């Protein structure tokens, strides 16, 4: 079943070739080999999710500012984190930190449903407009502190798109058996990309290199 309907068809999109090159040079060449992730990265129009004055830089190998002290992550990092989530078509995913909506848009190409939390109301509105413009309909945005979300359900996967001060054990109860959590965790200036998978009721932790994200703000984030 098709999860999203992108407004711009590839042949009508002036950035289509840049996006293909982004995937080939920045992502596939760096050993992200999940075909569904590569396809999602090639199809989601990243230029829609960046400020208009920065669209010429939308497919460069770097993060970009989106306002309010936040950034849209480097394409490679978006692809790597999505790949680590081990997504399946029926999955329901929780994202903490909507930002401009791009990471949720990529996940929504693979998963059935994305619930994304953003603490900054202005960014929630920007993300909603970006997702609407891209034609993505299976993302629900909640304006709240995602670190204290009172969820009534469990998720197949959780992703945090800001730096946690430590591995977020408080989220383990929200994961199903076999559920995966991906987050940067560590110091406010430099972190390690961490994956947690719930296996037989216990967390199995792996580490996937150094990263640098803006700090997570909230009950379980940095003050």
N, C-alpha and C. Protein backbone atom coordinates (compact mmCIF):
# COMPACT_ATOMS: atom_id res chain seq x y z
N UNK A 1 0.85 -1.20 0.00
CA UNK A 1 0.00 0.00 0.00
C UNK A 1 0.88 1.24 0.00
N UNK A 2 0.55 2.20 -0.83
CA UNK A 2 1.33 3.42 -0.89
C UNK A 2 1.05 4.27 0.33
N UNK A 3 2.11 4.70 1.04
CA UNK A 3 1.94 5.42 2.30
C UNK A 3 1.72 6.91 2.09
N UNK A 4 2.27 7.48 1.05
CA UNK A 4 2.17 8.92 0.84
C UNK A 4 1.93 9.20 -0.63
N UNK A 5 1.44 10.40 -0.91
CA UNK A 5 1.29 10.85 -2.28
C UNK A 5 2.06 12.15 -2.40
N UNK A 6 3.24 12.09 -2.96
CA UNK A 6 4.04 13.29 -3.10
C UNK A 6 3.46 14.18 -4.19
N UNK A 7 3.36 15.45 -3.88
CA UNK A 7 2.73 16.39 -4.79
C UNK A 7 3.50 16.50 -6.09
N UNK A 8 4.82 16.59 -5.99
CA UNK A 8 5.63 16.78 -7.19
C UNK A 8 6.10 15.44 -7.74
N UNK A 9 5.75 15.15 -8.97
CA UNK A 9 6.26 13.95 -9.62
C UNK A 9 7.73 14.18 -9.97
N UNK A 10 8.47 13.09 -10.00
CA UNK A 10 9.90 13.21 -10.24
C UNK A 10 10.21 13.96 -11.53
N UNK A 11 9.46 13.66 -12.61
CA UNK A 11 9.76 14.29 -13.89
C UNK A 11 9.41 15.78 -13.90
N UNK A 12 8.61 16.24 -12.93
CA UNK A 12 8.24 17.65 -12.86
C UNK A 12 9.06 18.40 -11.82
N UNK A 13 9.93 17.73 -11.14
CA UNK A 13 10.67 18.30 -10.02
C UNK A 13 12.05 18.74 -10.48
N UNK A 14 12.35 20.04 -10.43
CA UNK A 14 13.66 20.51 -10.90
C UNK A 14 14.82 20.02 -10.04
N UNK A 15 14.51 19.49 -8.85
CA UNK A 15 15.56 19.02 -7.94
C UNK A 15 15.74 17.49 -7.99
N UNK A 16 15.01 16.82 -8.88
CA UNK A 16 15.02 15.36 -8.90
C UNK A 16 16.42 14.79 -9.11
N UNK A 17 17.16 15.37 -10.05
CA UNK A 17 18.50 14.85 -10.33
C UNK A 17 19.45 15.12 -9.17
N UNK A 18 19.31 16.28 -8.53
CA UNK A 18 20.13 16.56 -7.36
C UNK A 18 19.87 15.55 -6.25
N UNK A 19 18.61 15.18 -6.11
CA UNK A 19 18.25 14.21 -5.07
C UNK A 19 18.84 12.84 -5.37
N UNK A 20 18.82 12.45 -6.62
CA UNK A 20 19.44 11.17 -7.00
C UNK A 20 20.92 11.19 -6.69
N UNK A 21 21.58 12.29 -7.03
CA UNK A 21 23.01 12.41 -6.75
C UNK A 21 23.28 12.42 -5.26
N UNK A 22 22.41 13.08 -4.48
CA UNK A 22 22.54 13.08 -3.02
C UNK A 22 22.54 11.65 -2.48
N UNK A 23 21.59 10.87 -2.96
CA UNK A 23 21.48 9.48 -2.48
C UNK A 23 22.69 8.67 -2.91
N UNK A 24 23.12 8.84 -4.16
CA UNK A 24 24.24 8.05 -4.67
C UNK A 24 25.55 8.42 -3.98
N UNK A 25 25.85 9.71 -3.88
CA UNK A 25 27.15 10.14 -3.38
C UNK A 25 27.24 10.21 -1.86
N UNK A 26 26.18 10.68 -1.22
CA UNK A 26 26.23 10.95 0.20
C UNK A 26 25.77 9.79 1.07
N UNK A 27 24.92 8.94 0.52
CA UNK A 27 24.25 7.93 1.35
C UNK A 27 24.65 6.51 0.94
N UNK A 28 24.31 6.11 -0.29
CA UNK A 28 24.64 4.75 -0.73
C UNK A 28 26.15 4.51 -0.71
N UNK A 29 26.93 5.53 -1.07
CA UNK A 29 28.39 5.38 -1.09
C UNK A 29 28.97 5.23 0.31
N UNK A 30 28.17 5.55 1.33
CA UNK A 30 28.64 5.44 2.71
C UNK A 30 27.97 4.27 3.43
N UNK A 31 27.57 3.28 2.64
CA UNK A 31 27.15 1.96 3.14
C UNK A 31 25.80 1.95 3.84
N UNK A 32 24.93 2.91 3.54
CA UNK A 32 23.52 2.76 3.89
C UNK A 32 22.89 2.02 2.71
N UNK A 33 22.49 0.77 2.94
CA UNK A 33 22.08 -0.07 1.82
C UNK A 33 20.63 -0.56 1.91
N UNK A 34 19.85 -0.04 2.85
CA UNK A 34 18.43 -0.39 2.93
C UNK A 34 17.72 0.25 1.74
N UNK A 35 17.21 -0.57 0.84
CA UNK A 35 16.64 -0.06 -0.41
C UNK A 35 15.43 0.83 -0.16
N UNK A 36 14.65 0.51 0.87
CA UNK A 36 13.47 1.33 1.15
C UNK A 36 13.88 2.71 1.65
N UNK A 37 14.95 2.76 2.43
CA UNK A 37 15.45 4.05 2.91
C UNK A 37 16.00 4.87 1.75
N UNK A 38 16.78 4.24 0.89
CA UNK A 38 17.33 4.95 -0.27
C UNK A 38 16.22 5.49 -1.16
N UNK A 39 15.19 4.69 -1.35
CA UNK A 39 14.05 5.12 -2.18
C UNK A 39 13.33 6.30 -1.53
N UNK A 40 13.14 6.23 -0.21
CA UNK A 40 12.47 7.32 0.50
C UNK A 40 13.27 8.61 0.40
N UNK A 41 14.59 8.50 0.57
CA UNK A 41 15.45 9.68 0.48
C UNK A 41 15.43 10.28 -0.93
N UNK A 42 15.27 9.43 -1.92
CA UNK A 42 15.24 9.89 -3.30
C UNK A 42 13.90 10.54 -3.65
N UNK A 43 12.84 10.13 -2.95
CA UNK A 43 11.51 10.61 -3.31
C UNK A 43 11.06 11.83 -2.51
N UNK A 44 11.44 11.93 -1.24
CA UNK A 44 10.96 13.05 -0.43
C UNK A 44 11.67 14.33 -0.85
N UNK A 45 10.94 15.37 -1.22
CA UNK A 45 11.54 16.62 -1.71
C UNK A 45 12.12 17.46 -0.57
N UNK A 46 13.38 17.24 -0.24
CA UNK A 46 14.01 17.91 0.90
C UNK A 46 13.94 19.44 0.78
N UNK A 47 13.97 19.95 -0.43
CA UNK A 47 13.96 21.40 -0.61
C UNK A 47 12.69 22.05 -0.07
N UNK A 48 11.59 21.30 0.00
CA UNK A 48 10.36 21.83 0.57
C UNK A 48 10.51 22.09 2.06
N UNK A 49 11.38 21.33 2.72
CA UNK A 49 11.49 21.36 4.18
C UNK A 49 12.54 22.33 4.70
N UNK A 50 13.23 23.03 3.81
CA UNK A 50 14.22 24.01 4.25
C UNK A 50 13.67 25.41 3.95
N UNK A 51 14.15 26.44 4.65
CA UNK A 51 13.71 27.80 4.33
C UNK A 51 13.96 28.12 2.86
N UNK A 52 13.05 28.85 2.26
CA UNK A 52 13.12 29.09 0.82
C UNK A 52 14.45 29.68 0.38
N UNK A 53 15.05 30.56 1.19
CA UNK A 53 16.30 31.19 0.82
C UNK A 53 17.47 30.21 0.79
N UNK A 54 17.26 28.98 1.34
CA UNK A 54 18.32 27.97 1.38
C UNK A 54 18.08 26.81 0.44
N UNK A 55 17.10 26.91 -0.42
CA UNK A 55 16.76 25.77 -1.26
C UNK A 55 17.90 25.35 -2.19
N UNK A 56 18.73 26.27 -2.57
CA UNK A 56 19.87 25.91 -3.42
C UNK A 56 20.83 24.98 -2.69
N UNK A 57 20.78 25.00 -1.36
CA UNK A 57 21.67 24.16 -0.55
C UNK A 57 20.97 22.91 0.00
N UNK A 58 19.74 22.68 -0.42
CA UNK A 58 18.91 21.63 0.19
C UNK A 58 19.52 20.24 0.08
N UNK A 59 20.29 19.98 -0.97
CA UNK A 59 20.81 18.63 -1.19
C UNK A 59 22.31 18.53 -0.94
N UNK A 60 22.86 19.52 -0.26
CA UNK A 60 24.26 19.45 0.13
C UNK A 60 24.44 18.56 1.36
N UNK A 61 25.66 18.10 1.56
CA UNK A 61 25.96 17.13 2.61
C UNK A 61 26.22 17.84 3.94
N UNK A 62 25.18 18.52 4.45
CA UNK A 62 25.35 19.28 5.69
C UNK A 62 23.98 19.57 6.30
N UNK A 63 23.95 19.82 7.62
CA UNK A 63 22.71 20.30 8.23
C UNK A 63 22.48 21.76 7.84
N UNK A 64 21.25 22.22 7.98
CA UNK A 64 20.91 23.60 7.66
C UNK A 64 20.01 24.17 8.75
N UNK A 65 20.15 25.45 9.08
CA UNK A 65 19.29 26.06 10.09
C UNK A 65 17.86 26.20 9.60
N UNK A 66 16.90 25.98 10.50
CA UNK A 66 15.49 26.12 10.14
C UNK A 66 14.78 27.12 11.05
N UNK A 67 15.56 27.82 11.89
CA UNK A 67 14.99 28.80 12.79
C UNK A 67 14.82 28.26 14.20
N UNK A 68 14.68 29.16 15.16
CA UNK A 68 14.45 28.82 16.57
C UNK A 68 15.60 27.98 17.14
N UNK A 69 16.80 28.17 16.58
CA UNK A 69 17.96 27.43 17.08
C UNK A 69 17.99 25.97 16.69
N UNK A 70 17.16 25.57 15.74
CA UNK A 70 17.06 24.17 15.32
C UNK A 70 17.63 24.00 13.92
N UNK A 71 17.86 22.74 13.54
CA UNK A 71 18.41 22.44 12.22
C UNK A 71 17.68 21.27 11.57
N UNK A 72 17.77 21.21 10.25
CA UNK A 72 17.42 19.99 9.52
C UNK A 72 18.72 19.20 9.38
N UNK A 73 18.69 17.93 9.75
CA UNK A 73 19.92 17.14 9.81
C UNK A 73 20.51 16.89 8.43
N UNK A 74 21.79 16.64 8.42
CA UNK A 74 22.53 16.22 7.23
C UNK A 74 21.83 15.02 6.60
N UNK A 75 21.66 14.97 5.27
CA UNK A 75 20.96 13.85 4.64
C UNK A 75 21.48 12.47 5.04
N UNK A 76 22.80 12.32 5.11
CA UNK A 76 23.36 11.03 5.49
C UNK A 76 22.89 10.59 6.87
N UNK A 77 22.84 11.52 7.83
CA UNK A 77 22.43 11.18 9.18
C UNK A 77 20.95 10.81 9.21
N UNK A 78 20.12 11.52 8.44
CA UNK A 78 18.71 11.17 8.34
C UNK A 78 18.56 9.74 7.82
N UNK A 79 19.31 9.42 6.78
CA UNK A 79 19.24 8.07 6.19
C UNK A 79 19.76 7.01 7.16
N UNK A 80 20.88 7.30 7.83
CA UNK A 80 21.45 6.34 8.77
C UNK A 80 20.49 6.05 9.91
N UNK A 81 19.92 7.09 10.51
CA UNK A 81 19.00 6.89 11.63
C UNK A 81 17.75 6.14 11.18
N UNK A 82 17.25 6.46 10.00
CA UNK A 82 16.08 5.75 9.47
C UNK A 82 16.40 4.29 9.25
N UNK A 83 17.58 4.01 8.71
CA UNK A 83 18.00 2.62 8.48
C UNK A 83 18.10 1.85 9.80
N UNK A 84 18.64 2.49 10.83
CA UNK A 84 18.79 1.83 12.13
C UNK A 84 17.45 1.49 12.77
N UNK A 85 16.39 2.18 12.38
CA UNK A 85 15.07 1.89 12.92
C UNK A 85 14.50 0.56 12.44
N UNK A 86 15.09 -0.02 11.37
CA UNK A 86 14.63 -1.32 10.84
C UNK A 86 13.12 -1.31 10.58
N UNK A 87 12.66 -0.33 9.85
CA UNK A 87 11.22 -0.13 9.66
C UNK A 87 10.57 -1.20 8.80
N UNK A 88 9.32 -1.49 9.14
CA UNK A 88 8.47 -2.36 8.34
C UNK A 88 7.23 -1.58 7.93
N UNK A 89 6.57 -1.98 6.84
CA UNK A 89 5.45 -1.19 6.31
C UNK A 89 4.29 -0.98 7.29
N UNK A 90 4.11 -1.87 8.24
CA UNK A 90 2.99 -1.73 9.18
C UNK A 90 3.33 -1.00 10.45
N UNK A 91 4.55 -0.49 10.58
CA UNK A 91 5.02 0.07 11.85
C UNK A 91 4.36 1.40 12.19
N UNK A 92 4.21 1.62 13.51
CA UNK A 92 3.84 2.93 14.04
C UNK A 92 5.06 3.47 14.77
N UNK A 93 5.47 4.68 14.42
CA UNK A 93 6.73 5.24 14.90
C UNK A 93 6.46 6.53 15.68
N UNK A 94 7.16 6.68 16.79
CA UNK A 94 7.14 7.92 17.56
C UNK A 94 8.43 8.69 17.29
N UNK A 95 8.29 9.96 16.94
CA UNK A 95 9.44 10.84 16.78
C UNK A 95 9.37 11.94 17.83
N UNK A 96 10.47 12.19 18.51
CA UNK A 96 10.57 13.30 19.45
C UNK A 96 11.47 14.36 18.82
N UNK A 97 10.87 15.49 18.45
CA UNK A 97 11.60 16.56 17.77
C UNK A 97 11.22 16.63 16.31
N UNK A 98 10.07 17.23 16.00
CA UNK A 98 9.60 17.29 14.61
C UNK A 98 10.48 18.16 13.74
N UNK A 99 10.96 19.27 14.32
CA UNK A 99 11.72 20.21 13.51
C UNK A 99 10.88 20.70 12.34
N UNK A 100 11.44 20.61 11.15
CA UNK A 100 10.73 21.05 9.94
C UNK A 100 9.88 19.94 9.34
N UNK A 101 9.92 18.73 9.90
CA UNK A 101 9.09 17.63 9.42
C UNK A 101 9.78 16.67 8.47
N UNK A 102 11.05 16.94 8.13
CA UNK A 102 11.71 16.13 7.10
C UNK A 102 11.96 14.69 7.54
N UNK A 103 12.49 14.50 8.74
CA UNK A 103 12.76 13.13 9.20
C UNK A 103 11.46 12.32 9.25
N UNK A 104 10.39 12.94 9.74
CA UNK A 104 9.10 12.25 9.77
C UNK A 104 8.63 11.90 8.37
N UNK A 105 8.87 12.80 7.42
CA UNK A 105 8.46 12.56 6.04
C UNK A 105 9.16 11.34 5.45
N UNK A 106 10.45 11.21 5.74
CA UNK A 106 11.21 10.06 5.24
C UNK A 106 10.70 8.77 5.87
N UNK A 107 10.50 8.79 7.18
CA UNK A 107 9.98 7.60 7.87
C UNK A 107 8.60 7.22 7.33
N UNK A 108 7.77 8.23 7.06
CA UNK A 108 6.40 8.00 6.59
C UNK A 108 6.34 7.33 5.24
N UNK A 109 7.42 7.40 4.48
CA UNK A 109 7.47 6.69 3.20
C UNK A 109 7.52 5.18 3.39
N UNK A 110 7.94 4.73 4.57
CA UNK A 110 8.12 3.30 4.82
C UNK A 110 7.09 2.79 5.82
N UNK A 111 6.91 3.50 6.94
CA UNK A 111 6.02 3.06 8.02
C UNK A 111 4.57 3.43 7.73
N UNK A 112 3.67 2.83 8.50
CA UNK A 112 2.24 3.10 8.32
C UNK A 112 1.83 4.42 8.94
N UNK A 113 2.45 4.77 10.09
CA UNK A 113 2.03 5.94 10.85
C UNK A 113 3.22 6.52 11.60
N UNK A 114 3.32 7.85 11.62
CA UNK A 114 4.32 8.55 12.41
C UNK A 114 3.60 9.54 13.32
N UNK A 115 3.87 9.45 14.62
CA UNK A 115 3.41 10.45 15.57
C UNK A 115 4.64 11.23 16.00
N UNK A 116 4.66 12.53 15.74
CA UNK A 116 5.85 13.32 16.00
C UNK A 116 5.54 14.47 16.96
N UNK A 117 6.42 14.70 17.93
CA UNK A 117 6.22 15.70 18.96
C UNK A 117 7.20 16.86 18.77
N UNK A 118 6.70 18.06 18.88
CA UNK A 118 7.53 19.26 18.76
C UNK A 118 7.13 20.24 19.86
N UNK A 119 8.12 20.70 20.62
CA UNK A 119 7.82 21.60 21.75
C UNK A 119 7.64 23.05 21.34
N UNK A 120 8.13 23.44 20.16
CA UNK A 120 8.06 24.83 19.71
C UNK A 120 6.85 24.98 18.78
N UNK A 121 5.82 25.71 19.21
CA UNK A 121 4.59 25.80 18.40
C UNK A 121 4.83 26.28 16.98
N UNK A 122 5.72 27.26 16.82
CA UNK A 122 5.98 27.79 15.48
C UNK A 122 6.54 26.72 14.55
N UNK A 123 7.42 25.86 15.08
CA UNK A 123 7.96 24.78 14.26
C UNK A 123 6.92 23.72 13.97
N UNK A 124 6.02 23.46 14.92
CA UNK A 124 4.92 22.53 14.65
C UNK A 124 4.12 22.99 13.44
N UNK A 125 3.85 24.29 13.39
CA UNK A 125 3.08 24.82 12.27
C UNK A 125 3.87 24.73 10.96
N UNK A 126 5.15 25.02 11.03
CA UNK A 126 6.00 24.91 9.83
C UNK A 126 6.04 23.46 9.34
N UNK A 127 6.24 22.52 10.26
CA UNK A 127 6.29 21.10 9.88
C UNK A 127 4.98 20.66 9.25
N UNK A 128 3.86 21.08 9.83
CA UNK A 128 2.55 20.71 9.29
C UNK A 128 2.37 21.24 7.88
N UNK A 129 2.79 22.48 7.65
CA UNK A 129 2.67 23.07 6.31
C UNK A 129 3.59 22.37 5.32
N UNK A 130 4.81 22.07 5.74
CA UNK A 130 5.74 21.37 4.86
C UNK A 130 5.22 20.00 4.46
N UNK A 131 4.70 19.26 5.43
CA UNK A 131 4.17 17.92 5.15
C UNK A 131 2.96 18.00 4.23
N UNK A 132 2.13 19.00 4.45
CA UNK A 132 0.96 19.18 3.58
C UNK A 132 1.40 19.49 2.16
N UNK A 133 2.39 20.38 2.02
CA UNK A 133 2.87 20.75 0.70
C UNK A 133 3.49 19.55 -0.02
N UNK A 134 4.11 18.67 0.75
CA UNK A 134 4.71 17.46 0.15
C UNK A 134 3.69 16.36 -0.09
N UNK A 135 2.47 16.55 0.38
CA UNK A 135 1.43 15.55 0.16
C UNK A 135 1.50 14.35 1.08
N UNK A 136 2.12 14.51 2.22
CA UNK A 136 2.31 13.40 3.16
C UNK A 136 1.20 13.43 4.20
N UNK A 137 0.45 12.34 4.32
CA UNK A 137 -0.77 12.35 5.11
C UNK A 137 -0.74 11.41 6.32
N UNK A 138 0.30 10.62 6.46
CA UNK A 138 0.32 9.64 7.56
C UNK A 138 1.23 10.06 8.71
N UNK A 139 1.33 11.39 8.92
CA UNK A 139 2.10 11.95 10.04
C UNK A 139 1.16 12.79 10.90
N UNK A 140 1.16 12.54 12.20
CA UNK A 140 0.40 13.33 13.15
C UNK A 140 1.37 14.13 14.01
N UNK A 141 1.19 15.44 14.07
CA UNK A 141 2.06 16.32 14.84
C UNK A 141 1.38 16.72 16.15
N UNK A 142 2.11 16.56 17.26
CA UNK A 142 1.62 16.98 18.56
C UNK A 142 2.58 18.02 19.11
N UNK A 143 2.06 19.17 19.52
CA UNK A 143 2.89 20.20 20.13
C UNK A 143 2.98 19.93 21.63
N UNK A 144 4.13 19.43 22.07
CA UNK A 144 4.29 19.06 23.47
C UNK A 144 5.76 18.76 23.75
N UNK A 145 6.08 18.57 25.03
CA UNK A 145 7.38 18.06 25.43
C UNK A 145 7.36 16.55 25.21
N UNK A 146 7.99 16.11 24.15
CA UNK A 146 7.96 14.69 23.80
C UNK A 146 8.62 13.79 24.82
N UNK A 147 9.48 14.37 25.68
CA UNK A 147 10.14 13.53 26.69
C UNK A 147 9.20 13.17 27.84
N UNK A 148 8.05 13.82 27.90
CA UNK A 148 7.08 13.50 28.96
C UNK A 148 5.73 13.13 28.37
N UNK A 149 5.75 12.61 27.15
CA UNK A 149 4.53 12.23 26.45
C UNK A 149 3.78 11.14 27.22
N UNK A 150 2.49 11.37 27.44
CA UNK A 150 1.65 10.37 28.11
C UNK A 150 0.99 9.51 27.04
N UNK A 151 1.75 8.59 26.51
CA UNK A 151 1.26 7.77 25.40
C UNK A 151 0.36 6.64 25.89
N UNK A 152 -0.69 6.36 25.14
CA UNK A 152 -1.62 5.29 25.49
C UNK A 152 -1.35 4.02 24.68
N UNK A 153 -0.28 4.03 23.91
CA UNK A 153 0.01 2.88 23.06
C UNK A 153 1.51 2.61 23.07
N UNK A 154 1.87 1.46 22.54
CA UNK A 154 3.29 1.14 22.36
C UNK A 154 3.65 1.29 20.89
N UNK A 155 4.93 1.53 20.65
CA UNK A 155 5.40 1.81 19.30
C UNK A 155 6.37 0.74 18.82
N UNK A 156 6.41 0.58 17.50
CA UNK A 156 7.38 -0.34 16.91
C UNK A 156 8.78 0.27 16.90
N UNK A 157 8.83 1.60 16.84
CA UNK A 157 10.12 2.29 16.81
C UNK A 157 9.96 3.71 17.35
N UNK A 158 11.04 4.21 17.95
CA UNK A 158 11.08 5.58 18.46
C UNK A 158 12.39 6.22 17.99
N UNK A 159 12.31 7.47 17.56
CA UNK A 159 13.50 8.20 17.16
C UNK A 159 13.51 9.56 17.85
N UNK A 160 14.65 9.96 18.37
CA UNK A 160 14.82 11.29 18.94
C UNK A 160 15.79 12.06 18.06
N UNK A 161 15.38 13.23 17.62
CA UNK A 161 16.21 13.98 16.67
C UNK A 161 16.90 15.17 17.34
N UNK A 162 17.21 15.01 18.61
CA UNK A 162 18.00 15.99 19.36
C UNK A 162 18.83 15.21 20.37
N UNK A 163 19.85 15.87 20.92
CA UNK A 163 20.82 15.17 21.77
C UNK A 163 20.28 14.92 23.16
N UNK A 164 20.14 13.64 23.53
CA UNK A 164 19.75 13.26 24.88
C UNK A 164 20.97 13.26 25.80
N UNK A 165 20.81 13.69 27.06
CA UNK A 165 21.95 13.66 27.98
C UNK A 165 22.39 12.25 28.34
N UNK A 166 21.50 11.29 28.16
CA UNK A 166 21.82 9.88 28.43
C UNK A 166 20.87 9.01 27.63
N UNK A 167 21.14 7.72 27.59
CA UNK A 167 20.24 6.80 26.89
C UNK A 167 18.86 6.88 27.55
N UNK A 168 17.80 7.14 26.78
CA UNK A 168 16.48 7.44 27.35
C UNK A 168 15.70 6.19 27.80
N UNK A 169 16.11 5.66 28.93
CA UNK A 169 15.45 4.46 29.46
C UNK A 169 13.98 4.70 29.76
N UNK A 170 13.59 5.95 30.00
CA UNK A 170 12.20 6.27 30.28
C UNK A 170 11.27 5.94 29.11
N UNK A 171 11.85 5.76 27.92
CA UNK A 171 11.05 5.41 26.75
C UNK A 171 10.90 3.91 26.54
N UNK A 172 11.66 3.10 27.25
CA UNK A 172 11.59 1.65 27.05
C UNK A 172 10.17 1.11 27.20
N UNK A 173 9.38 1.58 28.20
CA UNK A 173 8.02 1.05 28.33
C UNK A 173 7.11 1.34 27.14
N UNK A 174 7.51 2.29 26.28
CA UNK A 174 6.69 2.62 25.12
C UNK A 174 7.02 1.76 23.90
N UNK A 175 8.01 0.89 24.04
CA UNK A 175 8.43 0.05 22.92
C UNK A 175 7.81 -1.35 23.02
N UNK A 176 7.33 -1.83 21.90
CA UNK A 176 6.86 -3.21 21.82
C UNK A 176 8.04 -4.17 21.92
N UNK A 177 7.78 -5.43 22.14
CA UNK A 177 8.82 -6.46 22.03
C UNK A 177 9.38 -6.40 20.61
N UNK A 178 10.70 -6.33 20.53
CA UNK A 178 11.35 -6.17 19.23
C UNK A 178 11.44 -4.73 18.77
N UNK A 179 10.93 -3.80 19.59
CA UNK A 179 10.94 -2.39 19.23
C UNK A 179 12.34 -1.81 19.21
N UNK A 180 12.54 -0.78 18.41
CA UNK A 180 13.85 -0.14 18.25
C UNK A 180 13.77 1.33 18.61
N UNK A 181 14.80 1.81 19.27
CA UNK A 181 14.93 3.23 19.62
C UNK A 181 16.27 3.73 19.11
N UNK A 182 16.27 4.87 18.44
CA UNK A 182 17.50 5.46 17.92
C UNK A 182 17.59 6.90 18.39
N UNK A 183 18.73 7.26 18.97
CA UNK A 183 18.91 8.62 19.48
C UNK A 183 20.39 8.98 19.56
N UNK A 184 20.72 10.26 19.39
CA UNK A 184 22.05 10.71 19.80
C UNK A 184 22.04 10.90 21.31
N UNK A 185 23.08 10.46 21.99
CA UNK A 185 23.14 10.58 23.44
C UNK A 185 24.56 10.92 23.87
N UNK A 186 24.66 11.81 24.87
CA UNK A 186 25.97 12.15 25.39
C UNK A 186 26.06 13.59 25.84
N UNK A 187 27.22 14.17 25.68
CA UNK A 187 27.48 15.55 26.08
C UNK A 187 26.67 16.52 25.21
N UNK A 188 26.45 17.72 25.72
CA UNK A 188 25.68 18.70 24.97
C UNK A 188 26.36 19.11 23.68
N UNK A 189 27.67 18.95 23.58
CA UNK A 189 28.42 19.37 22.40
C UNK A 189 28.71 18.24 21.41
N UNK A 190 28.84 17.02 21.88
CA UNK A 190 29.16 15.89 21.01
C UNK A 190 28.50 14.65 21.58
N UNK A 191 27.95 13.81 20.69
CA UNK A 191 27.21 12.64 21.15
C UNK A 191 27.60 11.40 20.35
N UNK A 192 27.08 10.28 20.79
CA UNK A 192 27.19 9.01 20.07
C UNK A 192 25.81 8.60 19.61
N UNK A 193 25.70 8.13 18.38
CA UNK A 193 24.42 7.64 17.89
C UNK A 193 24.18 6.25 18.48
N UNK A 194 23.08 6.10 19.20
CA UNK A 194 22.80 4.89 19.96
C UNK A 194 21.53 4.24 19.43
N UNK A 195 21.57 2.92 19.34
CA UNK A 195 20.38 2.14 19.00
C UNK A 195 20.08 1.17 20.14
N UNK A 196 18.82 1.11 20.53
CA UNK A 196 18.37 0.15 21.54
C UNK A 196 17.30 -0.73 20.91
N UNK A 197 17.43 -2.03 21.08
CA UNK A 197 16.40 -2.95 20.59
C UNK A 197 15.93 -3.82 21.76
N UNK A 198 14.61 -3.87 21.94
CA UNK A 198 14.04 -4.68 23.02
C UNK A 198 13.96 -6.12 22.56
N UNK A 199 14.76 -6.98 23.18
CA UNK A 199 14.84 -8.38 22.80
C UNK A 199 14.57 -9.24 24.03
N UNK A 200 13.50 -10.02 23.97
CA UNK A 200 13.07 -10.84 25.10
C UNK A 200 12.91 -9.98 26.36
N UNK A 201 12.35 -8.80 26.14
CA UNK A 201 12.05 -7.90 27.25
C UNK A 201 13.22 -7.10 27.77
N UNK A 202 14.40 -7.26 27.17
CA UNK A 202 15.58 -6.57 27.66
C UNK A 202 16.18 -5.68 26.57
N UNK A 203 16.75 -4.53 26.96
CA UNK A 203 17.36 -3.65 25.97
C UNK A 203 18.73 -4.15 25.50
N UNK A 204 18.91 -4.23 24.21
CA UNK A 204 20.20 -4.56 23.62
C UNK A 204 20.71 -3.29 22.95
N UNK A 205 21.87 -2.79 23.39
CA UNK A 205 22.36 -1.48 22.99
C UNK A 205 23.54 -1.62 22.04
N UNK A 206 23.52 -0.82 20.97
CA UNK A 206 24.66 -0.75 20.05
C UNK A 206 24.96 0.70 19.75
N UNK A 207 26.20 0.96 19.31
CA UNK A 207 26.68 2.32 19.10
C UNK A 207 27.13 2.49 17.65
N UNK A 208 26.85 3.68 17.09
CA UNK A 208 27.01 3.85 15.65
C UNK A 208 27.71 5.15 15.27
N UNK A 209 28.71 5.52 16.03
CA UNK A 209 29.56 6.63 15.65
C UNK A 209 29.20 7.96 16.29
N UNK A 210 30.13 8.88 16.18
CA UNK A 210 29.95 10.20 16.76
C UNK A 210 29.08 11.10 15.91
N UNK A 211 28.25 11.90 16.56
CA UNK A 211 27.36 12.84 15.88
C UNK A 211 27.29 14.12 16.70
N UNK A 212 26.67 15.13 16.10
CA UNK A 212 26.47 16.38 16.82
C UNK A 212 25.08 16.93 16.51
N UNK A 213 24.23 16.98 17.53
CA UNK A 213 22.86 17.46 17.39
C UNK A 213 22.62 18.63 18.34
N UNK A 214 21.58 19.40 18.05
CA UNK A 214 21.15 20.41 19.01
C UNK A 214 20.63 19.69 20.25
N UNK A 215 20.68 20.31 21.43
CA UNK A 215 20.27 19.61 22.66
C UNK A 215 18.76 19.39 22.74
N UNK A 216 18.39 18.27 23.30
CA UNK A 216 17.01 17.95 23.59
C UNK A 216 16.59 18.75 24.83
N UNK A 217 15.50 19.50 24.72
CA UNK A 217 15.00 20.29 25.83
C UNK A 217 13.70 19.67 26.34
N UNK A 218 13.59 19.49 27.63
CA UNK A 218 12.37 18.91 28.19
C UNK A 218 12.65 18.24 29.52
N UNK A 219 11.65 17.56 30.02
CA UNK A 219 11.74 16.92 31.33
C UNK A 219 12.94 16.00 31.42
N UNK A 220 13.22 15.25 30.37
CA UNK A 220 14.32 14.30 30.36
C UNK A 220 15.47 14.75 29.45
N UNK A 221 15.48 16.03 29.10
CA UNK A 221 16.54 16.56 28.26
C UNK A 221 17.44 17.48 29.04
N UNK A 222 18.11 18.36 28.32
CA UNK A 222 18.93 19.38 28.96
C UNK A 222 18.03 20.53 29.40
N UNK A 223 18.35 21.15 30.50
CA UNK A 223 17.52 22.25 31.00
C UNK A 223 17.77 23.50 30.17
